[in-house]
């Protein structure tokens, strides 16, 4: 019985790790983030609905990317205390190029395009 319980706890811990429950997130607000210096290229997906639904999109994107290769981002447009949950707007994406530095391999960009993400290029 104790071994079965230990195995169940282990499987649950592994599952939570795979779902990103133990990942750290850095939240920042800035008028002019340093990553924009020299221009950036991003792929993003627009989401309408609960913000927890946007997190699912974020997890999907991060699974496509080799660990540590690119920065993900989320933009949350609405105040959930003032807007009904089904109308909350957000965008979740990944920065694929910063200045001249390509952050992901071309095959990853192809996967992002196949999954229907929009491309945005900022000016320098």
PDB file of N, CA and C in Angstrom:
ATOM      1  N   UNK A   1       0.824  -1.197   0.000  1.00  0.00           N
ATOM      2  CA  UNK A   1       0.000   0.000   0.000  1.00  0.00           C
ATOM      3  C   UNK A   1       0.864   1.254   0.000  1.00  0.00           C
ATOM      4  N   UNK A   2       1.908   1.286   0.843  1.00  0.00           N
ATOM      5  CA  UNK A   2       2.755   2.474   0.940  1.00  0.00           C
ATOM      6  C   UNK A   2       3.525   2.700  -0.358  1.00  0.00           C
ATOM      7  N   UNK A   3       3.919   1.589  -1.034  1.00  0.00           N
ATOM      8  CA  UNK A   3       4.632   1.722  -2.303  1.00  0.00           C
ATOM      9  C   UNK A   3       3.719   2.278  -3.385  1.00  0.00           C
ATOM     10  N   UNK A   4       2.474   1.866  -3.370  1.00  0.00           N
ATOM     11  CA  UNK A   4       1.516   2.375  -4.357  1.00  0.00           C
ATOM     12  C   UNK A   4       1.286   3.868  -4.166  1.00  0.00           C
ATOM     13  N   UNK A   5       1.195   4.285  -2.915  1.00  0.00           N
ATOM     14  CA  UNK A   5       1.017   5.703  -2.613  1.00  0.00           C
ATOM     15  C   UNK A   5       2.245   6.502  -3.044  1.00  0.00           C
ATOM     16  N   UNK A   6       3.431   5.977  -2.757  1.00  0.00           N
ATOM     17  CA  UNK A   6       4.674   6.650  -3.152  1.00  0.00           C
ATOM     18  C   UNK A   6       4.767   6.754  -4.673  1.00  0.00           C
ATOM     19  N   UNK A   7       4.392   5.684  -5.371  1.00  0.00           N
ATOM     20  CA  UNK A   7       4.420   5.701  -6.835  1.00  0.00           C
ATOM     21  C   UNK A   7       3.427   6.721  -7.387  1.00  0.00           C
ATOM     22  N   UNK A   8       2.247   6.798  -6.788  1.00  0.00           N
ATOM     23  CA  UNK A   8       1.236   7.762  -7.235  1.00  0.00           C
ATOM     24  C   UNK A   8       1.718   9.196  -7.028  1.00  0.00           C
ATOM     25  N   UNK A   9       2.353   9.467  -5.894  1.00  0.00           N
ATOM     26  CA  UNK A   9       2.890  10.808  -5.619  1.00  0.00           C
ATOM     27  C   UNK A   9       3.991  11.139  -6.621  1.00  0.00           C
ATOM     28  N   UNK A  10       4.851  10.166  -6.919  1.00  0.00           N
ATOM     29  CA  UNK A  10       5.923  10.384  -7.884  1.00  0.00           C
ATOM     30  C   UNK A  10       5.363  10.696  -9.269  1.00  0.00           C
ATOM     31  N   UNK A  11       4.401   9.922  -9.720  1.00  0.00           N
ATOM     32  CA  UNK A  11       3.784  10.147 -11.032  1.00  0.00           C
ATOM     33  C   UNK A  11       3.118  11.519 -11.078  1.00  0.00           C
ATOM     34  N   UNK A  12       2.439  11.898 -10.014  1.00  0.00           N
ATOM     35  CA  UNK A  12       1.802  13.214  -9.950  1.00  0.00           C
ATOM     36  C   UNK A  12       2.845  14.328 -10.030  1.00  0.00           C
ATOM     37  N   UNK A  13       3.958  14.177  -9.315  1.00  0.00           N
ATOM     38  CA  UNK A  13       5.022  15.189  -9.342  1.00  0.00           C
ATOM     39  C   UNK A  13       5.617  15.321 -10.740  1.00  0.00           C
ATOM     40  N   UNK A  14       5.847  14.204 -11.416  1.00  0.00           N
ATOM     41  CA  UNK A  14       6.382  14.240 -12.779  1.00  0.00           C
ATOM     42  C   UNK A  14       5.387  14.917 -13.717  1.00  0.00           C
ATOM     43  N   UNK A  15       4.124  14.595 -13.592  1.00  0.00           N
ATOM     44  CA  UNK A  15       3.091  15.207 -14.426  1.00  0.00           C
ATOM     45  C   UNK A  15       3.035  16.717 -14.209  1.00  0.00           C
ATOM     46  N   UNK A  16       3.069  17.151 -12.961  1.00  0.00           N
ATOM     47  CA  UNK A  16       3.047  18.586 -12.666  1.00  0.00           C
ATOM     48  C   UNK A  16       4.279  19.281 -13.235  1.00  0.00           C
ATOM     49  N   UNK A  17       5.424  18.627 -13.177  1.00  0.00           N
ATOM     50  CA  UNK A  17       6.650  19.189 -13.757  1.00  0.00           C
ATOM     51  C   UNK A  17       6.499  19.344 -15.264  1.00  0.00           C
ATOM     52  N   UNK A  18       5.966  18.329 -15.933  1.00  0.00           N
ATOM     53  CA  UNK A  18       5.779  18.388 -17.383  1.00  0.00           C
ATOM     54  C   UNK A  18       4.796  19.482 -17.788  1.00  0.00           C
ATOM     55  N   UNK A  19       3.831  19.754 -16.942  1.00  0.00           N
ATOM     56  CA  UNK A  19       2.848  20.800 -17.224  1.00  0.00           C
ATOM     57  C   UNK A  19       3.374  22.195 -16.909  1.00  0.00           C
ATOM     58  N   UNK A  20       4.579  22.276 -16.352  1.00  0.00           N
ATOM     59  CA  UNK A  20       5.181  23.575 -16.086  1.00  0.00           C
ATOM     60  C   UNK A  20       4.818  24.189 -14.754  1.00  0.00           C
ATOM     61  N   UNK A  21       4.261  23.402 -13.864  1.00  0.00           N
ATOM     62  CA  UNK A  21       3.825  23.946 -12.569  1.00  0.00           C
ATOM     63  C   UNK A  21       4.982  24.407 -11.696  1.00  0.00           C
ATOM     64  N   UNK A  22       6.187  23.923 -11.949  1.00  0.00           N
ATOM     65  CA  UNK A  22       7.329  24.313 -11.129  1.00  0.00           C
ATOM     66  C   UNK A  22       8.235  25.311 -11.841  1.00  0.00           C
ATOM     67  N   UNK A  23       7.840  25.763 -13.041  1.00  0.00           N
ATOM     68  CA  UNK A  23       8.630  26.737 -13.783  1.00  0.00           C
ATOM     69  C   UNK A  23       8.507  28.106 -13.143  1.00  0.00           C
ATOM     70  N   UNK A  24       9.567  28.883 -13.228  1.00  0.00           N
ATOM     71  CA  UNK A  24       9.513  30.243 -12.687  1.00  0.00           C
ATOM     72  C   UNK A  24       9.105  31.212 -13.798  1.00  0.00           C
ATOM     73  N   UNK A  25       8.466  32.280 -13.413  1.00  0.00           N
ATOM     74  CA  UNK A  25       8.011  33.297 -14.351  1.00  0.00           C
ATOM     75  C   UNK A  25       8.476  34.647 -13.855  1.00  0.00           C
ATOM     76  N   UNK A  26       9.056  35.418 -14.756  1.00  0.00           N
ATOM     77  CA  UNK A  26       9.478  36.770 -14.410  1.00  0.00           C
ATOM     78  C   UNK A  26       8.492  37.742 -15.036  1.00  0.00           C
ATOM     79  N   UNK A  27       7.823  38.511 -14.208  1.00  0.00           N
ATOM     80  CA  UNK A  27       6.842  39.488 -14.677  1.00  0.00           C
ATOM     81  C   UNK A  27       7.484  40.859 -14.627  1.00  0.00           C
ATOM     82  N   UNK A  28       7.342  41.613 -15.718  1.00  0.00           N
ATOM     83  CA  UNK A  28       7.881  42.969 -15.727  1.00  0.00           C
ATOM     84  C   UNK A  28       6.990  43.871 -16.566  1.00  0.00           C
ATOM     85  N   UNK A  29       7.023  45.150 -16.237  1.00  0.00           N
ATOM     86  CA  UNK A  29       6.294  46.170 -16.980  1.00  0.00           C
ATOM     87  C   UNK A  29       7.306  47.237 -17.344  1.00  0.00           C
ATOM     88  N   UNK A  30       7.346  47.599 -18.632  1.00  0.00           N
ATOM     89  CA  UNK A  30       8.337  48.573 -19.070  1.00  0.00           C
ATOM     90  C   UNK A  30       7.814  49.357 -20.259  1.00  0.00           C
ATOM     91  N   UNK A  31       8.160  50.612 -20.323  1.00  0.00           N
ATOM     92  CA  UNK A  31       7.812  51.453 -21.475  1.00  0.00           C
ATOM     93  C   UNK A  31       8.663  51.076 -22.682  1.00  0.00           C
ATOM     94  N   UNK A  32       9.916  50.715 -22.455  1.00  0.00           N
ATOM     95  CA  UNK A  32      10.855  50.421 -23.533  1.00  0.00           C
ATOM     96  C   UNK A  32      11.778  49.269 -23.128  1.00  0.00           C
ATOM     97  N   UNK A  33      11.294  48.033 -23.233  1.00  0.00           N
ATOM     98  CA  UNK A  33      12.117  46.890 -22.836  1.00  0.00           C
ATOM     99  C   UNK A  33      13.407  46.815 -23.646  1.00  0.00           C
ATOM    100  N   UNK A  34      14.488  46.412 -23.007  1.00  0.00           N
ATOM    101  CA  UNK A  34      15.787  46.345 -23.678  1.00  0.00           C
ATOM    102  C   UNK A  34      15.781  45.360 -24.842  1.00  0.00           C
ATOM    103  N   UNK A  35      14.902  44.380 -24.814  1.00  0.00           N
ATOM    104  CA  UNK A  35      14.852  43.394 -25.894  1.00  0.00           C
ATOM    105  C   UNK A  35      14.420  44.031 -27.215  1.00  0.00           C
ATOM    106  N   UNK A  36      13.785  45.215 -27.167  1.00  0.00           N
ATOM    107  CA  UNK A  36      13.345  45.883 -28.388  1.00  0.00           C
ATOM    108  C   UNK A  36      14.472  46.617 -29.105  1.00  0.00           C
ATOM    109  N   UNK A  37      15.610  46.816 -28.462  1.00  0.00           N
ATOM    110  CA  UNK A  37      16.724  47.518 -29.096  1.00  0.00           C
ATOM    111  C   UNK A  37      17.156  46.757 -30.343  1.00  0.00           C
ATOM    112  N   UNK A  38      17.145  47.408 -31.488  1.00  0.00           N
ATOM    113  CA  UNK A  38      17.540  46.756 -32.733  1.00  0.00           C
ATOM    114  C   UNK A  38      16.408  46.027 -33.424  1.00  0.00           C
ATOM    115  N   UNK A  39      15.203  46.088 -32.889  1.00  0.00           N
ATOM    116  CA  UNK A  39      14.050  45.438 -33.508  1.00  0.00           C
ATOM    117  C   UNK A  39      13.899  43.995 -33.068  1.00  0.00           C
ATOM    118  N   UNK A  40      12.677  43.495 -33.129  1.00  0.00           N
ATOM    119  CA  UNK A  40      12.405  42.102 -32.778  1.00  0.00           C
ATOM    120  C   UNK A  40      11.398  41.508 -33.754  1.00  0.00           C
ATOM    121  N   UNK A  41      11.409  40.204 -33.835  1.00  0.00           N
ATOM    122  CA  UNK A  41      10.398  39.456 -34.575  1.00  0.00           C
ATOM    123  C   UNK A  41       9.745  38.499 -33.593  1.00  0.00           C
ATOM    124  N   UNK A  42       8.426  38.530 -33.545  1.00  0.00           N
ATOM    125  CA  UNK A  42       7.690  37.651 -32.642  1.00  0.00           C
ATOM    126  C   UNK A  42       6.622  36.891 -33.413  1.00  0.00           C
ATOM    127  N   UNK A  43       6.245  35.759 -32.873  1.00  0.00           N
ATOM    128  CA  UNK A  43       5.062  35.026 -33.315  1.00  0.00           C
ATOM    129  C   UNK A  43       4.149  34.948 -32.109  1.00  0.00           C
ATOM    130  N   UNK A  44       2.861  35.209 -32.321  1.00  0.00           N
ATOM    131  CA  UNK A  44       1.937  35.251 -31.192  1.00  0.00           C
ATOM    132  C   UNK A  44       0.579  34.696 -31.593  1.00  0.00           C
ATOM    133  N   UNK A  45      -0.192  34.352 -30.575  1.00  0.00           N
ATOM    134  CA  UNK A  45      -1.562  33.889 -30.772  1.00  0.00           C
ATOM    135  C   UNK A  45      -2.467  34.743 -29.897  1.00  0.00           C
ATOM    136  N   UNK A  46      -3.490  35.322 -30.496  1.00  0.00           N
ATOM    137  CA  UNK A  46      -4.470  36.141 -29.793  1.00  0.00           C
ATOM    138  C   UNK A  46      -5.485  35.203 -29.152  1.00  0.00           C
ATOM    139  N   UNK A  47      -5.906  35.531 -27.932  1.00  0.00           N
ATOM    140  CA  UNK A  47      -6.826  34.668 -27.190  1.00  0.00           C
ATOM    141  C   UNK A  47      -7.938  35.504 -26.569  1.00  0.00           C
ATOM    142  N   UNK A  48      -9.166  35.042 -26.695  1.00  0.00           N
ATOM    143  CA  UNK A  48     -10.305  35.653 -26.001  1.00  0.00           C
ATOM    144  C   UNK A  48     -10.890  34.583 -25.092  1.00  0.00           C
ATOM    145  N   UNK A  49     -11.005  34.913 -23.825  1.00  0.00           N
ATOM    146  CA  UNK A  49     -11.516  33.972 -22.832  1.00  0.00           C
ATOM    147  C   UNK A  49     -10.724  34.103 -21.549  1.00  0.00           C
ATOM    148  N   UNK A  50     -10.880  33.145 -20.675  1.00  0.00           N
ATOM    149  CA  UNK A  50     -10.205  33.227 -19.379  1.00  0.00           C
ATOM    150  C   UNK A  50      -8.691  33.299 -19.566  1.00  0.00           C
ATOM    151  N   UNK A  51      -8.050  33.990 -18.647  1.00  0.00           N
ATOM    152  CA  UNK A  51      -6.598  34.084 -18.713  1.00  0.00           C
ATOM    153  C   UNK A  51      -5.941  32.731 -18.471  1.00  0.00           C
ATOM    154  N   UNK A  52      -6.595  31.842 -17.763  1.00  0.00           N
ATOM    155  CA  UNK A  52      -6.033  30.502 -17.592  1.00  0.00           C
ATOM    156  C   UNK A  52      -5.993  29.773 -18.934  1.00  0.00           C
ATOM    157  N   UNK A  53      -6.917  30.082 -19.831  1.00  0.00           N
ATOM    158  CA  UNK A  53      -6.887  29.521 -21.178  1.00  0.00           C
ATOM    159  C   UNK A  53      -5.677  30.011 -21.961  1.00  0.00           C
ATOM    160  N   UNK A  54      -5.287  31.257 -21.733  1.00  0.00           N
ATOM    161  CA  UNK A  54      -4.092  31.808 -22.380  1.00  0.00           C
ATOM    162  C   UNK A  54      -2.844  31.079 -21.891  1.00  0.00           C
ATOM    163  N   UNK A  55      -2.849  30.659 -20.634  1.00  0.00           N
ATOM    164  CA  UNK A  55      -1.706  29.921 -20.103  1.00  0.00           C
ATOM    165  C   UNK A  55      -1.543  28.590 -20.843  1.00  0.00           C
ATOM    166  N   UNK A  56      -2.649  27.987 -21.240  1.00  0.00           N
ATOM    167  CA  UNK A  56      -2.576  26.757 -22.018  1.00  0.00           C
ATOM    168  C   UNK A  56      -1.878  26.978 -23.352  1.00  0.00           C
ATOM    169  N   UNK A  57      -2.148  28.114 -23.991  1.00  0.00           N
ATOM    170  CA  UNK A  57      -1.473  28.467 -25.244  1.00  0.00           C
ATOM    171  C   UNK A  57       0.022  28.650 -24.982  1.00  0.00           C
ATOM    172  N   UNK A  58       0.355  29.298 -23.881  1.00  0.00           N
ATOM    173  CA  UNK A  58       1.758  29.517 -23.512  1.00  0.00           C
ATOM    174  C   UNK A  58       2.485  28.185 -23.329  1.00  0.00           C
ATOM    175  N   UNK A  59       1.874  27.256 -22.635  1.00  0.00           N
ATOM    176  CA  UNK A  59       2.486  25.932 -22.435  1.00  0.00           C
ATOM    177  C   UNK A  59       2.713  25.243 -23.776  1.00  0.00           C
ATOM    178  N   UNK A  60       1.735  25.352 -24.668  1.00  0.00           N
ATOM    179  CA  UNK A  60       1.857  24.744 -25.995  1.00  0.00           C
ATOM    180  C   UNK A  60       3.070  25.315 -26.732  1.00  0.00           C
ATOM    181  N   UNK A  61       3.242  26.631 -26.679  1.00  0.00           N
ATOM    182  CA  UNK A  61       4.373  27.262 -27.353  1.00  0.00           C
ATOM    183  C   UNK A  61       5.702  26.831 -26.747  1.00  0.00           C
ATOM    184  N   UNK A  62       5.774  26.817 -25.435  1.00  0.00           N
ATOM    185  CA  UNK A  62       7.028  26.479 -24.774  1.00  0.00           C
ATOM    186  C   UNK A  62       7.440  25.030 -25.035  1.00  0.00           C
ATOM    187  N   UNK A  63       6.476  24.157 -25.315  1.00  0.00           N
ATOM    188  CA  UNK A  63       6.804  22.771 -25.630  1.00  0.00           C
ATOM    189  C   UNK A  63       7.463  22.655 -27.001  1.00  0.00           C
ATOM    190  N   UNK A  64       7.220  23.627 -27.878  1.00  0.00           N
ATOM    191  CA  UNK A  64       7.840  23.619 -29.201  1.00  0.00           C
ATOM    192  C   UNK A  64       9.293  24.066 -29.159  1.00  0.00           C
ATOM    193  N   UNK A  65       9.660  24.807 -28.123  1.00  0.00           N
ATOM    194  CA  UNK A  65      10.971  25.442 -28.080  1.00  0.00           C
ATOM    195  C   UNK A  65      11.952  24.647 -27.238  1.00  0.00           C
ATOM    196  N   UNK A  66      13.156  24.441 -27.765  1.00  0.00           N
ATOM    197  CA  UNK A  66      14.185  23.837 -26.917  1.00  0.00           C
ATOM    198  C   UNK A  66      14.423  24.731 -25.706  1.00  0.00           C
ATOM    199  N   UNK A  67      14.673  24.145 -24.576  1.00  0.00           N
ATOM    200  CA  UNK A  67      14.816  24.879 -23.319  1.00  0.00           C
ATOM    201  C   UNK A  67      15.852  25.994 -23.423  1.00  0.00           C
ATOM    202  N   UNK A  68      15.447  27.198 -22.995  1.00  0.00           N
ATOM    203  CA  UNK A  68      16.356  28.329 -22.933  1.00  0.00           C
ATOM    204  C   UNK A  68      16.673  29.002 -24.251  1.00  0.00           C
ATOM    205  N   UNK A  69      15.985  28.647 -25.341  1.00  0.00           N
ATOM    206  CA  UNK A  69      16.343  29.211 -26.641  1.00  0.00           C
ATOM    207  C   UNK A  69      15.640  30.519 -26.962  1.00  0.00           C
ATOM    208  N   UNK A  70      14.491  30.768 -26.402  1.00  0.00           N
ATOM    209  CA  UNK A  70      13.751  31.982 -26.756  1.00  0.00           C
ATOM    210  C   UNK A  70      12.952  32.457 -25.556  1.00  0.00           C
ATOM    211  N   UNK A  71      12.541  33.701 -25.635  1.00  0.00           N
ATOM    212  CA  UNK A  71      11.726  34.277 -24.566  1.00  0.00           C
ATOM    213  C   UNK A  71      10.263  34.258 -24.971  1.00  0.00           C
ATOM    214  N   UNK A  72       9.440  33.794 -24.049  1.00  0.00           N
ATOM    215  CA  UNK A  72       8.006  33.863 -24.258  1.00  0.00           C
ATOM    216  C   UNK A  72       7.469  35.136 -23.629  1.00  0.00           C
ATOM    217  N   UNK A  73       6.273  35.528 -24.028  1.00  0.00           N
ATOM    218  CA  UNK A  73       5.655  36.714 -23.440  1.00  0.00           C
ATOM    219  C   UNK A  73       4.145  36.559 -23.430  1.00  0.00           C
ATOM    220  N   UNK A  74       3.520  37.315 -22.574  1.00  0.00           N
ATOM    221  CA  UNK A  74       2.065  37.374 -22.517  1.00  0.00           C
ATOM    222  C   UNK A  74       1.636  38.814 -22.352  1.00  0.00           C
ATOM    223  N   UNK A  75       0.598  39.192 -23.057  1.00  0.00           N
ATOM    224  CA  UNK A  75       0.019  40.529 -22.934  1.00  0.00           C
ATOM    225  C   UNK A  75      -1.431  40.332 -22.517  1.00  0.00           C
ATOM    226  N   UNK A  76      -1.787  40.913 -21.402  1.00  0.00           N
ATOM    227  CA  UNK A  76      -3.141  40.783 -20.870  1.00  0.00           C
ATOM    228  C   UNK A  76      -3.790  42.162 -20.938  1.00  0.00           C
ATOM    229  N   UNK A  77      -4.785  42.305 -21.807  1.00  0.00           N
ATOM    230  CA  UNK A  77      -5.354  43.609 -22.125  1.00  0.00           C
ATOM    231  C   UNK A  77      -6.391  44.103 -21.121  1.00  0.00           C
ATOM    232  N   UNK A  78      -7.088  43.203 -20.473  1.00  0.00           N
ATOM    233  CA  UNK A  78      -8.247  43.595 -19.672  1.00  0.00           C
ATOM    234  C   UNK A  78      -8.043  43.338 -18.185  1.00  0.00           C
ATOM    235  N   UNK A  79      -8.779  44.077 -17.384  1.00  0.00           N
ATOM    236  CA  UNK A  79      -8.800  43.897 -15.933  1.00  0.00           C
ATOM    237  C   UNK A  79      -9.878  42.860 -15.619  1.00  0.00           C
ATOM    238  N   UNK A  80      -9.483  41.676 -15.124  1.00  0.00           N
ATOM    239  CA  UNK A  80     -10.475  40.625 -14.881  1.00  0.00           C
ATOM    240  C   UNK A  80     -11.511  40.976 -13.819  1.00  0.00           C
ATOM    241  N   UNK A  81     -11.261  42.004 -13.028  1.00  0.00           N
ATOM    242  CA  UNK A  81     -12.274  42.411 -12.052  1.00  0.00           C
ATOM    243  C   UNK A  81     -13.337  43.306 -12.690  1.00  0.00           C
ATOM    244  N   UNK A  82     -13.105  43.749 -13.937  1.00  0.00           N
ATOM    245  CA  UNK A  82     -14.053  44.635 -14.614  1.00  0.00           C
ATOM    246  C   UNK A  82     -14.647  44.043 -15.889  1.00  0.00           C
ATOM    247  N   UNK A  83     -14.015  43.012 -16.434  1.00  0.00           N
ATOM    248  CA  UNK A  83     -14.447  42.423 -17.702  1.00  0.00           C
ATOM    249  C   UNK A  83     -14.861  40.974 -17.452  1.00  0.00           C
ATOM    250  N   UNK A  84     -16.007  40.544 -18.002  1.00  0.00           N
ATOM    251  CA  UNK A  84     -16.419  39.144 -17.834  1.00  0.00           C
ATOM    252  C   UNK A  84     -15.344  38.184 -18.365  1.00  0.00           C
ATOM    253  N   UNK A  85     -15.187  37.065 -17.701  1.00  0.00           N
ATOM    254  CA  UNK A  85     -14.116  36.115 -18.031  1.00  0.00           C
ATOM    255  C   UNK A  85     -14.133  35.694 -19.496  1.00  0.00           C
ATOM    256  N   UNK A  86     -15.310  35.497 -20.070  1.00  0.00           N
ATOM    257  CA  UNK A  86     -15.376  35.023 -21.454  1.00  0.00           C
ATOM    258  C   UNK A  86     -15.004  36.102 -22.473  1.00  0.00           C
ATOM    259  N   UNK A  87     -14.823  37.354 -22.025  1.00  0.00           N
ATOM    260  CA  UNK A  87     -14.447  38.451 -22.919  1.00  0.00           C
ATOM    261  C   UNK A  87     -13.017  38.949 -22.701  1.00  0.00           C
ATOM    262  N   UNK A  88     -12.289  38.355 -21.772  1.00  0.00           N
ATOM    263  CA  UNK A  88     -10.914  38.786 -21.513  1.00  0.00           C
ATOM    264  C   UNK A  88     -10.051  38.557 -22.752  1.00  0.00           C
ATOM    265  N   UNK A  89      -9.219  39.546 -23.073  1.00  0.00           N
ATOM    266  CA  UNK A  89      -8.372  39.469 -24.258  1.00  0.00           C
ATOM    267  C   UNK A  89      -6.901  39.366 -23.853  1.00  0.00           C
ATOM    268  N   UNK A  90      -6.181  38.520 -24.552  1.00  0.00           N
ATOM    269  CA  UNK A  90      -4.754  38.371 -24.283  1.00  0.00           C
ATOM    270  C   UNK A  90      -4.043  37.916 -25.550  1.00  0.00           C
ATOM    271  N   UNK A  91      -2.744  38.052 -25.535  1.00  0.00           N
ATOM    272  CA  UNK A  91      -1.892  37.548 -26.612  1.00  0.00           C
ATOM    273  C   UNK A  91      -0.710  36.852 -25.953  1.00  0.00           C
ATOM    274  N   UNK A  92      -0.361  35.697 -26.479  1.00  0.00           N
ATOM    275  CA  UNK A  92       0.752  34.918 -25.949  1.00  0.00           C
ATOM    276  C   UNK A  92       1.665  34.603 -27.118  1.00  0.00           C
ATOM    277  N   UNK A  93       2.964  34.762 -26.907  1.00  0.00           N
ATOM    278  CA  UNK A  93       3.864  34.515 -28.021  1.00  0.00           C
ATOM    279  C   UNK A  93       5.287  34.247 -27.605  1.00  0.00           C
ATOM    280  N   UNK A  94       6.141  34.255 -28.616  1.00  0.00           N
ATOM    281  CA  UNK A  94       7.557  33.973 -28.426  1.00  0.00           C
ATOM    282  C   UNK A  94       8.363  34.910 -29.318  1.00  0.00           C
ATOM    283  N   UNK A  95       9.472  35.405 -28.778  1.00  0.00           N
ATOM    284  CA  UNK A  95      10.388  36.247 -29.548  1.00  0.00           C
ATOM    285  C   UNK A  95      11.337  35.310 -30.282  1.00  0.00           C
ATOM    286  N   UNK A  96      11.352  35.374 -31.622  1.00  0.00           N
ATOM    287  CA  UNK A  96      12.197  34.469 -32.400  1.00  0.00           C
ATOM    288  C   UNK A  96      13.473  35.134 -32.888  1.00  0.00           C
ATOM    289  N   UNK A  97      13.476  36.479 -32.937  1.00  0.00           N
ATOM    290  CA  UNK A  97      14.679  37.194 -33.353  1.00  0.00           C
ATOM    291  C   UNK A  97      14.749  38.515 -32.610  1.00  0.00           C
ATOM    292  N   UNK A  98      15.929  38.845 -32.093  1.00  0.00           N
ATOM    293  CA  UNK A  98      16.171  40.121 -31.416  1.00  0.00           C
ATOM    294  C   UNK A  98      17.375  40.762 -32.081  1.00  0.00           C
ATOM    295  N   UNK A  99      17.152  41.904 -32.748  1.00  0.00           N
ATOM    296  CA  UNK A  99      18.230  42.512 -33.520  1.00  0.00           C
ATOM    297  C   UNK A  99      18.647  41.555 -34.622  1.00  0.00           C
ATOM    298  N   UNK A 100      19.930  41.274 -34.696  1.00  0.00           N
ATOM    299  CA  UNK A 100      20.444  40.335 -35.703  1.00  0.00           C
ATOM    300  C   UNK A 100      20.492  38.895 -35.191  1.00  0.00           C
ATOM    301  N   UNK A 101      20.221  38.704 -33.912  1.00  0.00           N
ATOM    302  CA  UNK A 101      20.338  37.375 -33.305  1.00  0.00           C
ATOM    303  C   UNK A 101      19.079  36.541 -33.513  1.00  0.00           C
ATOM    304  N   UNK A 102      19.230  35.438 -34.240  1.00  0.00           N
ATOM    305  CA  UNK A 102      18.141  34.486 -34.442  1.00  0.00           C
ATOM    306  C   UNK A 102      18.090  33.597 -33.204  1.00  0.00           C
ATOM    307  N   UNK A 103      16.964  33.592 -32.483  1.00  0.00           N
ATOM    308  CA  UNK A 103      16.865  32.874 -31.211  1.00  0.00           C
ATOM    309  C   UNK A 103      16.381  31.439 -31.358  1.00  0.00           C
ATOM    310  N   UNK A 104      15.791  31.104 -32.489  1.00  0.00           N
ATOM    311  CA  UNK A 104      15.299  29.742 -32.710  1.00  0.00           C
ATOM    312  C   UNK A 104      15.711  29.277 -34.101  1.00  0.00           C
ATOM    313  N   UNK A 105      15.705  27.980 -34.288  1.00  0.00           N
ATOM    314  CA  UNK A 105      16.023  27.391 -35.584  1.00  0.00           C
ATOM    315  C   UNK A 105      14.866  27.614 -36.564  1.00  0.00           C
ATOM    316  N   UNK A 106      15.140  27.655 -37.868  1.00  0.00           N
ATOM    317  CA  UNK A 106      14.075  27.840 -38.864  1.00  0.00           C
ATOM    318  C   UNK A 106      12.950  26.803 -38.756  1.00  0.00           C
ATOM    319  N   UNK A 107      13.268  25.577 -38.363  1.00  0.00           N
ATOM    320  CA  UNK A 107      12.232  24.547 -38.232  1.00  0.00           C
ATOM    321  C   UNK A 107      11.209  24.928 -37.170  1.00  0.00           C
ATOM    322  N   UNK A 108      11.650  25.616 -36.110  1.00  0.00           N
ATOM    323  CA  UNK A 108      10.730  26.055 -35.057  1.00  0.00           C
ATOM    324  C   UNK A 108       9.802  27.133 -35.605  1.00  0.00           C
ATOM    325  N   UNK A 109      10.346  28.054 -36.407  1.00  0.00           N
ATOM    326  CA  UNK A 109       9.517  29.097 -37.026  1.00  0.00           C
ATOM    327  C   UNK A 109       8.451  28.451 -37.910  1.00  0.00           C
ATOM    328  N   UNK A 110       8.833  27.426 -38.661  1.00  0.00           N
ATOM    329  CA  UNK A 110       7.862  26.713 -39.504  1.00  0.00           C
ATOM    330  C   UNK A 110       6.759  26.086 -38.652  1.00  0.00           C
ATOM    331  N   UNK A 111       7.120  25.516 -37.517  1.00  0.00           N
ATOM    332  CA  UNK A 111       6.116  24.918 -36.627  1.00  0.00           C
ATOM    333  C   UNK A 111       5.167  25.982 -36.081  1.00  0.00           C
ATOM    334  N   UNK A 112       5.702  27.142 -35.731  1.00  0.00           N
ATOM    335  CA  UNK A 112       4.856  28.235 -35.234  1.00  0.00           C
ATOM    336  C   UNK A 112       3.873  28.678 -36.310  1.00  0.00           C
ATOM    337  N   UNK A 113       4.343  28.779 -37.546  1.00  0.00           N
ATOM    338  CA  UNK A 113       3.470  29.171 -38.656  1.00  0.00           C
ATOM    339  C   UNK A 113       2.389  28.121 -38.897  1.00  0.00           C
ATOM    340  N   UNK A 114       2.775  26.848 -38.858  1.00  0.00           N
ATOM    341  CA  UNK A 114       1.798  25.769 -39.072  1.00  0.00           C
ATOM    342  C   UNK A 114       0.717  25.763 -38.003  1.00  0.00           C
ATOM    343  N   UNK A 115       1.062  26.192 -36.800  1.00  0.00           N
ATOM    344  CA  UNK A 115       0.083  26.228 -35.705  1.00  0.00           C
ATOM    345  C   UNK A 115      -0.765  27.495 -35.727  1.00  0.00           C
ATOM    346  N   UNK A 116      -0.588  28.312 -36.760  1.00  0.00           N
ATOM    347  CA  UNK A 116      -1.462  29.468 -36.944  1.00  0.00           C
ATOM    348  C   UNK A 116      -1.077  30.719 -36.181  1.00  0.00           C
ATOM    349  N   UNK A 117       0.156  30.814 -35.709  1.00  0.00           N
ATOM    350  CA  UNK A 117       0.563  32.021 -35.002  1.00  0.00           C
ATOM    351  C   UNK A 117       0.805  33.160 -35.990  1.00  0.00           C
ATOM    352  N   UNK A 118       0.514  34.370 -35.538  1.00  0.00           N
ATOM    353  CA  UNK A 118       0.718  35.571 -36.339  1.00  0.00           C
ATOM    354  C   UNK A 118       2.151  36.055 -36.156  1.00  0.00           C
ATOM    355  N   UNK A 119       2.719  36.630 -37.215  1.00  0.00           N
ATOM    356  CA  UNK A 119       4.069  37.179 -37.152  1.00  0.00           C
ATOM    357  C   UNK A 119       3.988  38.695 -37.022  1.00  0.00           C
ATOM    358  N   UNK A 120       4.839  39.263 -36.158  1.00  0.00           N
ATOM    359  CA  UNK A 120       4.942  40.711 -36.038  1.00  0.00           C
ATOM    360  C   UNK A 120       6.418  41.077 -35.984  1.00  0.00           C
ATOM    361  N   UNK A 121       6.799  42.088 -36.768  1.00  0.00           N
ATOM    362  CA  UNK A 121       8.171  42.579 -36.779  1.00  0.00           C
ATOM    363  C   UNK A 121       8.139  44.023 -36.332  1.00  0.00           C
ATOM    364  N   UNK A 122       8.919  44.349 -35.285  1.00  0.00           N
ATOM    365  CA  UNK A 122       8.981  45.737 -34.817  1.00  0.00           C
ATOM    366  C   UNK A 122      10.100  46.458 -35.546  1.00  0.00           C
ATOM    367  N   UNK A 123       9.958  47.775 -35.665  1.00  0.00           N
ATOM    368  CA  UNK A 123      11.000  48.584 -36.292  1.00  0.00           C
ATOM    369  C   UNK A 123      12.209  48.702 -35.403  1.00  0.00           C
ATOM    370  N   UNK A 124      13.283  49.177 -35.990  1.00  0.00           N
ATOM    371  CA  UNK A 124      14.526  49.340 -35.221  1.00  0.00           C
ATOM    372  C   UNK A 124      14.526  50.649 -34.490  1.00  0.00           C
TER     373      UNK A 124
END
